[in-house]
Amino acid sequence: MTFDDQDIAAIESLGYTADEARFLYLVAVHSGYFLPRQFLTFTGAKWGSRSHNFVSRLESRGHVTWREYDPIGGVYHLFSRTLYRSIGKENLPARQRHATQFIRARLLLLDFILKNLQFAYFETELEKTAYFCEVLGIPREDLPAKTYRGGPRTEPAMRYFVDRFPMFLDYTAPGAPPVITFSYVDPGLAKLAGFANHLNTYLPLFRRLHRFSFLYIANSAAHFLPAEKRFSTLAHPPLKAGVLSDIVRYFRLRNAWELKQYGSLSTSDVEWLKEASLRFHGDRFEGSYRAWASGALTEQELRAELEQAHVCSEVRFQTYLVPVKRFGRKRLAEDSEGTLETSGAFRDA
């Protein structure tokens, strides 16, 4: 992860050190909530005057509030409009107050990011939509979205990626292109209904991708195996059917266009063909298309080849255990979780 010098300088100007500013930036962009021990994790400091002065300045400047959630403890909420405005993110929903379940997920999310700063995270809705629509050529209607109803004088607003779970490009594989990685943060619910709903929301986007990873983040391994099975059940069959159908349709429409059979193409066919040409470009598709268009490959053989190619596509499910069970207290010396130093770890499924 890289920090924008201008954003960090803007937070520093409010009376914080460079390390404090970087930490506050992470909290503002990704969670909105934090525990004192998370500040210590980021800075490598121990509980003492440095951390006490930091939270004291936050409170005295009115940038945070400390809220107790009996009996599980308390959490700092970074809500200051001044601070969010200083980094150009005044309208982030993190400023709002939320239910305990949401806060649990945000704290787990922040723990994950603090332990995995090596990734290139997408921070905003605009960055995510630009990557999928402009870079990958995926139609906006296939992105996970939610419509917010406005007042009587305002139009409904469509928002994308409203879950704001970590999404990043993983550049860690030597010599390989970066892998887009999605995630879900389990707030500790008894059932997987929320996870299933999350996957259903993302399925249209997943069907458009040949290569991606999915990461299930939780503070208990109890749901890891059921989550893997649910992911496999919901994600893999639609991916195969959707990709196959789209590629075959693309080949047919492209062939009709190249043969100047314009009368056989509707306006919607032409628009879809433009979008599909962005999705299915490159040598992997070009060779199959040329073989099929020349008659060297029958449609049945084409489908078999595409199915095999899809089986070999890289769709990876992983889990990540965050060893945190409680919220916290203001003074880590009084909080047993302050001594918990076990690092989270990826697990391939």
Protein backbone atom coordinates (compact mmCIF):
# COMPACT_ATOMS: atom_id res chain seq x y z
CA MET A 1 0.00 0.00 0.00
CA THR A 2 1.19 3.50 -0.80
CA PHE A 3 -0.01 6.68 0.88
CA ASP A 4 -0.62 9.92 -0.96
CA ASP A 5 1.79 12.50 0.48
CA GLN A 6 -0.79 15.26 0.10
CA ASP A 7 -3.43 13.36 2.09
CA ILE A 8 -1.00 12.51 4.87
CA ALA A 9 0.22 16.11 5.03
CA ALA A 10 -3.39 17.29 5.29
CA ILE A 11 -4.00 15.09 8.34
CA GLU A 12 -0.64 16.09 9.86
CA SER A 13 -1.75 19.72 9.61
CA LEU A 14 -4.51 18.88 12.10
CA GLY A 15 -1.86 18.19 14.74
CA TYR A 16 -0.71 14.62 14.19
CA THR A 17 2.61 12.96 13.44
CA ALA A 18 3.30 11.22 10.13
CA ASP A 19 2.68 7.74 11.60
CA GLU A 20 -0.50 8.90 13.29
CA ALA A 21 -1.69 10.52 10.07
CA ARG A 22 -1.11 7.32 8.08
CA PHE A 23 -3.02 5.29 10.66
CA LEU A 24 -5.91 7.75 10.68
CA TYR A 25 -6.01 7.65 6.89
CA LEU A 26 -6.39 3.85 6.96
CA VAL A 27 -9.15 4.11 9.55
CA ALA A 28 -11.00 6.83 7.63
CA VAL A 29 -10.88 5.07 4.27
CA HIS A 30 -11.45 1.47 5.33
CA SER A 31 -13.26 1.20 8.65
CA GLY A 32 -14.26 4.36 10.51
CA TYR A 33 -13.64 2.49 13.80
CA PHE A 34 -10.51 1.39 15.61
CA LEU A 35 -9.11 0.06 18.89
CA PRO A 36 -6.04 1.40 20.69
CA ARG A 37 -4.23 -1.90 20.14
CA GLN A 38 -4.63 -1.45 16.36
CA PHE A 39 -2.74 1.83 16.55
CA LEU A 40 0.04 -0.01 18.41
CA THR A 41 0.05 -2.74 15.75
CA PHE A 42 0.51 -0.18 13.00
CA THR A 43 3.21 1.88 14.70
CA GLY A 44 5.01 -0.97 16.48
CA ALA A 45 4.80 1.00 19.72
CA LYS A 46 3.87 -0.22 23.20
CA TRP A 47 1.20 1.19 25.44
CA GLY A 48 2.53 4.33 27.10
CA SER A 49 2.73 8.09 26.73
CA ARG A 50 2.89 7.99 22.92
CA SER A 51 -0.36 6.10 22.43
CA HIS A 52 -2.04 7.88 25.35
CA ASN A 53 -1.16 11.29 23.89
CA PHE A 54 -2.45 10.21 20.48
CA VAL A 55 -5.93 9.24 21.65
CA SER A 56 -6.04 12.20 24.02
CA ARG A 57 -5.41 14.59 21.11
CA LEU A 58 -8.05 12.83 19.04
CA GLU A 59 -10.61 13.28 21.78
CA SER A 60 -9.65 16.87 22.66
CA ARG A 61 -9.92 17.91 18.99
CA GLY A 62 -13.34 16.28 18.67
CA HIS A 63 -12.19 13.90 15.95
CA VAL A 64 -13.31 10.69 17.68
CA THR A 65 -15.78 9.42 20.23
CA TRP A 66 -15.32 6.39 22.48
CA ARG A 67 -18.40 4.19 22.64
CA GLU A 68 -18.98 1.29 25.02
CA TYR A 69 -20.88 -1.77 23.82
CA ASP A 70 -21.68 -3.72 26.97
CA PRO A 71 -20.56 -6.39 27.69
CA ILE A 72 -18.05 -6.71 24.84
CA GLY A 73 -16.15 -3.49 25.35
CA GLY A 74 -15.66 -0.25 23.48
CA VAL A 75 -14.31 1.23 20.28
CA TYR A 76 -13.19 4.59 18.91
CA HIS A 77 -15.31 6.04 16.11
CA LEU A 78 -13.48 8.44 13.78
CA PHE A 79 -16.32 10.73 12.75
CA SER A 80 -14.83 14.22 12.30
CA ARG A 81 -16.09 15.96 9.18
CA THR A 82 -13.00 18.18 9.30
CA LEU A 83 -10.63 15.23 9.09
CA TYR A 84 -12.55 13.46 6.33
CA ARG A 85 -12.84 16.71 4.40
CA SER A 86 -9.08 17.22 4.61
CA ILE A 87 -8.52 14.09 2.48
CA GLY A 88 -11.41 14.73 0.09
CA LYS A 89 -13.62 11.98 1.54
CA GLU A 90 -16.21 13.93 3.47
CA ASN A 91 -19.10 11.76 2.24
CA LEU A 92 -17.72 8.36 3.21
CA PRO A 93 -20.33 6.34 5.16
CA ALA A 94 -17.66 5.54 7.79
CA ARG A 95 -18.49 8.89 9.44
CA GLN A 96 -21.98 7.66 10.34
CA ARG A 97 -22.89 5.67 13.43
CA HIS A 98 -23.54 1.98 12.89
CA ALA A 99 -24.87 -1.15 14.56
CA THR A 100 -22.62 -3.48 16.54
CA GLN A 101 -22.55 -6.11 13.79
CA PHE A 102 -21.25 -3.57 11.29
CA ILE A 103 -18.60 -2.37 13.74
CA ARG A 104 -17.39 -5.93 14.36
CA ALA A 105 -16.87 -6.39 10.64
CA ARG A 106 -15.03 -3.05 10.30
CA LEU A 107 -12.63 -3.93 13.13
CA LEU A 108 -11.84 -7.32 11.59
CA LEU A 109 -11.39 -5.59 8.24
CA LEU A 110 -8.93 -3.12 9.74
CA ASP A 111 -7.02 -5.94 11.46
CA PHE A 112 -6.66 -7.67 8.11
CA ILE A 113 -5.40 -4.54 6.34
CA LEU A 114 -2.93 -3.69 9.10
CA LYS A 115 -1.39 -7.16 8.72
CA ASN A 116 -1.44 -7.02 4.90
CA LEU A 117 -0.23 -3.59 3.85
CA GLN A 118 1.59 -5.12 0.87
CA PHE A 119 -1.54 -5.17 -1.27
CA ALA A 120 -2.78 -2.42 -3.62
CA TYR A 121 -6.25 -1.78 -2.20
CA PHE A 122 -9.07 -0.09 -4.07
CA GLU A 123 -10.21 2.64 -1.73
CA THR A 124 -13.29 4.19 -3.33
CA GLU A 125 -16.35 3.32 -5.36
CA LEU A 126 -14.97 5.41 -8.24
CA GLU A 127 -11.68 3.48 -8.31
CA LYS A 128 -13.51 0.14 -8.41
CA THR A 129 -15.99 1.07 -11.12
CA ALA A 130 -13.22 2.60 -13.23
CA TYR A 131 -11.12 -0.57 -13.00
CA PHE A 132 -13.89 -2.95 -14.00
CA CYS A 133 -15.64 -0.75 -16.57
CA GLU A 134 -12.76 1.17 -18.16
CA VAL A 135 -9.83 -1.20 -17.74
CA LEU A 136 -11.60 -4.56 -18.08
CA GLY A 137 -14.52 -3.37 -20.22
CA ILE A 138 -17.21 -4.90 -18.01
CA PRO A 139 -20.70 -3.38 -18.33
CA ARG A 140 -21.74 -1.27 -15.35
CA GLU A 141 -24.98 -3.26 -14.98
CA ASP A 142 -22.92 -6.33 -14.01
CA LEU A 143 -21.36 -4.61 -11.00
CA PRO A 144 -22.78 -5.20 -7.50
CA ALA A 145 -25.11 -2.29 -6.86
CA LYS A 146 -27.77 -0.98 -4.52
CA THR A 147 -30.40 1.66 -5.18
CA TYR A 148 -30.98 4.27 -2.49
CA ARG A 149 -34.35 5.97 -2.55
CA GLY A 150 -34.15 9.71 -2.16
CA GLY A 151 -36.69 12.17 -0.89
CA PRO A 152 -39.72 13.39 -2.80
CA ARG A 153 -37.58 15.94 -4.68
CA THR A 154 -34.54 13.76 -5.38
CA GLU A 155 -33.93 10.93 -7.80
CA PRO A 156 -32.96 7.43 -6.58
CA ALA A 157 -29.18 6.98 -6.44
CA MET A 158 -27.38 3.87 -7.66
CA ARG A 159 -24.29 3.01 -5.61
CA TYR A 160 -21.74 0.30 -6.34
CA PHE A 161 -19.68 -1.94 -4.03
CA VAL A 162 -21.54 -0.64 -0.99
CA ASP A 163 -20.18 -3.44 1.25
CA ARG A 164 -16.71 -1.81 1.10
CA PHE A 165 -14.96 -5.06 1.97
CA PRO A 166 -11.27 -5.23 1.05
CA MET A 167 -10.62 -5.48 -2.67
CA PHE A 168 -7.09 -5.40 -4.00
CA LEU A 169 -4.68 -6.36 -6.74
CA ASP A 170 -2.28 -9.04 -5.59
CA TYR A 171 1.15 -8.58 -7.20
CA THR A 172 2.92 -11.10 -4.99
CA ALA A 173 3.25 -13.97 -7.51
CA PRO A 174 6.66 -13.57 -9.24
CA GLY A 175 6.42 -13.15 -13.00
CA ALA A 176 2.61 -13.35 -13.03
CA PRO A 177 0.08 -10.58 -13.71
CA PRO A 178 -1.75 -9.18 -10.66
CA VAL A 179 -4.82 -11.04 -9.44
CA ILE A 180 -7.97 -9.16 -8.50
CA THR A 181 -9.04 -10.31 -5.04
CA PHE A 182 -12.51 -9.91 -3.53
CA SER A 183 -13.40 -10.58 0.08
CA TYR A 184 -16.14 -11.03 2.63
CA VAL A 185 -15.76 -10.15 6.32
CA ASP A 186 -17.78 -12.39 8.64
CA PRO A 187 -18.91 -10.34 11.65
CA GLY A 188 -19.49 -13.51 13.67
CA LEU A 189 -23.02 -14.48 12.66
CA ALA A 190 -24.41 -17.94 13.40
CA LYS A 191 -25.46 -18.59 9.79
CA LEU A 192 -24.07 -18.00 6.29
CA ALA A 193 -27.13 -16.27 4.85
CA GLY A 194 -25.29 -12.96 4.67
CA PHE A 195 -22.40 -14.57 2.83
CA ALA A 196 -24.75 -16.22 0.33
CA ASN A 197 -26.47 -12.89 -0.32
CA HIS A 198 -23.08 -11.26 -0.82
CA LEU A 199 -22.06 -13.88 -3.40
CA ASN A 200 -25.36 -13.56 -5.26
CA THR A 201 -24.82 -9.82 -5.52
CA TYR A 202 -21.36 -10.36 -7.05
CA LEU A 203 -22.19 -13.29 -9.38
CA PRO A 204 -22.81 -11.19 -12.52
CA LEU A 205 -19.36 -9.65 -12.08
CA PHE A 206 -17.71 -13.01 -11.31
CA ARG A 207 -19.11 -14.43 -14.54
CA ARG A 208 -17.23 -11.79 -16.47
CA LEU A 209 -13.85 -12.67 -14.99
CA HIS A 210 -11.50 -15.43 -16.06
CA ARG A 211 -9.12 -15.06 -13.13
CA PHE A 212 -9.73 -13.87 -9.58
CA SER A 213 -9.38 -14.78 -5.92
CA PHE A 214 -11.94 -14.67 -3.14
CA LEU A 215 -10.98 -14.25 0.50
CA TYR A 216 -13.19 -15.15 3.47
CA ILE A 217 -12.10 -13.18 6.55
CA ALA A 218 -13.28 -14.14 10.05
CA ASN A 219 -12.15 -14.35 13.66
CA SER A 220 -13.25 -17.99 13.88
CA ALA A 221 -12.58 -20.94 11.56
CA ALA A 222 -16.03 -22.42 12.25
CA HIS A 223 -17.48 -21.26 8.92
CA PHE A 224 -14.44 -21.79 6.72
CA LEU A 225 -15.44 -25.17 5.27
CA PRO A 226 -19.17 -24.32 4.88
CA ALA A 227 -18.19 -21.01 3.25
CA GLU A 228 -15.93 -22.81 0.77
CA LYS A 229 -18.75 -25.21 -0.15
CA ARG A 230 -21.20 -22.33 -0.53
CA PHE A 231 -18.76 -20.45 -2.73
CA SER A 232 -18.21 -23.51 -4.92
CA THR A 233 -21.95 -24.18 -5.21
CA LEU A 234 -22.94 -20.63 -6.06
CA ALA A 235 -19.95 -19.38 -8.02
CA HIS A 236 -18.50 -22.12 -10.16
CA PRO A 237 -21.49 -23.49 -12.18
CA PRO A 238 -22.81 -20.03 -13.20
CA LEU A 239 -19.31 -18.94 -14.13
CA LYS A 240 -18.89 -21.80 -16.58
CA ALA A 241 -22.32 -21.43 -18.18
CA GLY A 242 -22.16 -17.66 -18.37
CA VAL A 243 -18.68 -17.42 -19.83
CA LEU A 244 -19.30 -20.14 -22.41
CA SER A 245 -22.53 -18.59 -23.63
CA ASP A 246 -21.03 -15.13 -23.87
CA ILE A 247 -17.96 -16.27 -25.80
CA VAL A 248 -20.00 -18.30 -28.30
CA ARG A 249 -22.36 -15.37 -28.81
CA TYR A 250 -19.40 -13.04 -29.30
CA PHE A 251 -17.92 -15.33 -31.97
CA ARG A 252 -21.23 -15.53 -33.84
CA LEU A 253 -21.89 -11.79 -33.79
CA ARG A 254 -18.31 -10.94 -34.68
CA ASN A 255 -18.40 -13.35 -37.61
CA ALA A 256 -21.65 -11.85 -38.89
CA TRP A 257 -20.14 -8.36 -38.63
CA GLU A 258 -16.95 -9.33 -40.46
CA LEU A 259 -19.03 -10.96 -43.22
CA LYS A 260 -21.01 -7.69 -43.49
CA GLN A 261 -24.26 -9.42 -42.57
CA TYR A 262 -25.47 -6.27 -40.90
CA GLY A 263 -29.14 -7.05 -41.44
CA SER A 264 -28.87 -9.99 -39.07
CA LEU A 265 -27.67 -7.78 -36.22
CA SER A 266 -29.99 -5.76 -34.02
CA THR A 267 -28.97 -2.50 -32.37
CA SER A 268 -28.59 -4.32 -29.05
CA ASP A 269 -26.42 -6.97 -30.79
CA VAL A 270 -24.08 -4.28 -32.06
CA GLU A 271 -23.82 -2.62 -28.65
CA TRP A 272 -23.20 -5.96 -26.95
CA LEU A 273 -20.55 -6.82 -29.56
CA LYS A 274 -18.65 -3.62 -28.74
CA GLU A 275 -18.56 -4.50 -25.06
CA ALA A 276 -17.69 -8.14 -25.70
CA SER A 277 -14.75 -7.19 -27.93
CA LEU A 278 -13.18 -5.53 -24.89
CA ARG A 279 -13.77 -8.56 -22.67
CA PHE A 280 -12.68 -11.29 -25.07
CA HIS A 281 -9.53 -9.91 -26.62
CA GLY A 282 -6.06 -11.38 -26.76
CA ASP A 283 -4.37 -14.44 -28.21
CA ARG A 284 -6.31 -16.88 -26.01
CA PHE A 285 -9.61 -15.96 -27.69
CA GLU A 286 -8.26 -14.91 -31.08
CA GLY A 287 -6.84 -18.34 -31.90
CA SER A 288 -10.11 -20.10 -31.05
CA TYR A 289 -12.12 -17.59 -33.05
CA ARG A 290 -9.97 -17.92 -36.18
CA ALA A 291 -10.14 -21.73 -36.00
CA TRP A 292 -13.91 -21.68 -35.58
CA ALA A 293 -14.54 -19.01 -38.24
CA SER A 294 -12.42 -20.88 -40.81
CA GLY A 295 -14.29 -24.14 -40.21
CA ALA A 296 -11.29 -25.89 -38.67
CA LEU A 297 -13.18 -26.08 -35.39
CA THR A 298 -16.83 -27.13 -35.12
CA GLU A 299 -19.08 -25.45 -32.58
CA GLN A 300 -19.10 -28.62 -30.50
CA GLU A 301 -15.31 -28.71 -30.55
CA LEU A 302 -15.24 -24.99 -29.76
CA ARG A 303 -17.43 -25.49 -26.69
CA ALA A 304 -15.29 -28.40 -25.53
CA GLU A 305 -12.16 -26.28 -25.93
CA LEU A 306 -13.73 -23.36 -24.08
CA GLU A 307 -14.93 -25.63 -21.27
CA GLN A 308 -11.43 -26.99 -20.84
CA ALA A 309 -10.00 -23.48 -20.85
CA HIS A 310 -12.52 -22.47 -18.20
CA VAL A 311 -11.68 -25.45 -16.01
CA CYS A 312 -8.10 -24.24 -16.09
CA SER A 313 -9.10 -20.67 -15.24
CA GLU A 314 -7.83 -19.35 -11.94
CA VAL A 315 -10.69 -18.97 -9.48
CA ARG A 316 -9.23 -19.32 -6.01
CA PHE A 317 -10.95 -19.44 -2.62
CA GLN A 318 -8.94 -18.60 0.50
CA THR A 319 -9.64 -17.99 4.17
CA TYR A 320 -7.99 -15.65 6.64
CA LEU A 321 -8.23 -16.03 10.41
CA VAL A 322 -8.09 -12.83 12.45
CA PRO A 323 -7.32 -13.81 16.07
CA VAL A 324 -9.41 -11.14 17.78
CA LYS A 325 -12.40 -11.95 19.97
CA ARG A 326 -13.26 -8.74 21.81
CA PHE A 327 -13.55 -5.04 21.16
CA GLY A 328 -11.38 -3.39 23.82
CA ARG A 329 -10.87 -0.90 26.57
CA LYS A 330 -9.18 2.45 26.52
CA ARG A 331 -6.16 1.25 28.46
CA LEU A 332 -4.53 -1.77 26.88
CA ALA A 333 -2.74 -2.57 30.13
CA GLU A 334 -6.16 -3.56 31.49
CA ASP A 335 -7.20 -5.47 28.35
CA SER A 336 -6.16 -9.06 27.77
CA GLU A 337 -6.50 -8.70 24.02
CA GLY A 338 -3.69 -6.17 24.09
CA THR A 339 -1.24 -9.02 24.59
CA LEU A 340 -2.54 -11.03 21.65
CA GLU A 341 0.15 -10.99 18.98
CA THR A 342 -0.72 -14.03 16.84
CA SER A 343 -0.69 -13.02 13.18
CA GLY A 344 -3.51 -13.86 10.82
CA ALA A 345 -2.66 -16.22 7.98
CA PHE A 346 -4.01 -17.13 4.57
CA ARG A 347 -5.38 -20.61 4.08
CA ASP A 348 -6.02 -22.05 0.65
CA ALA A 349 -9.24 -23.98 0.24
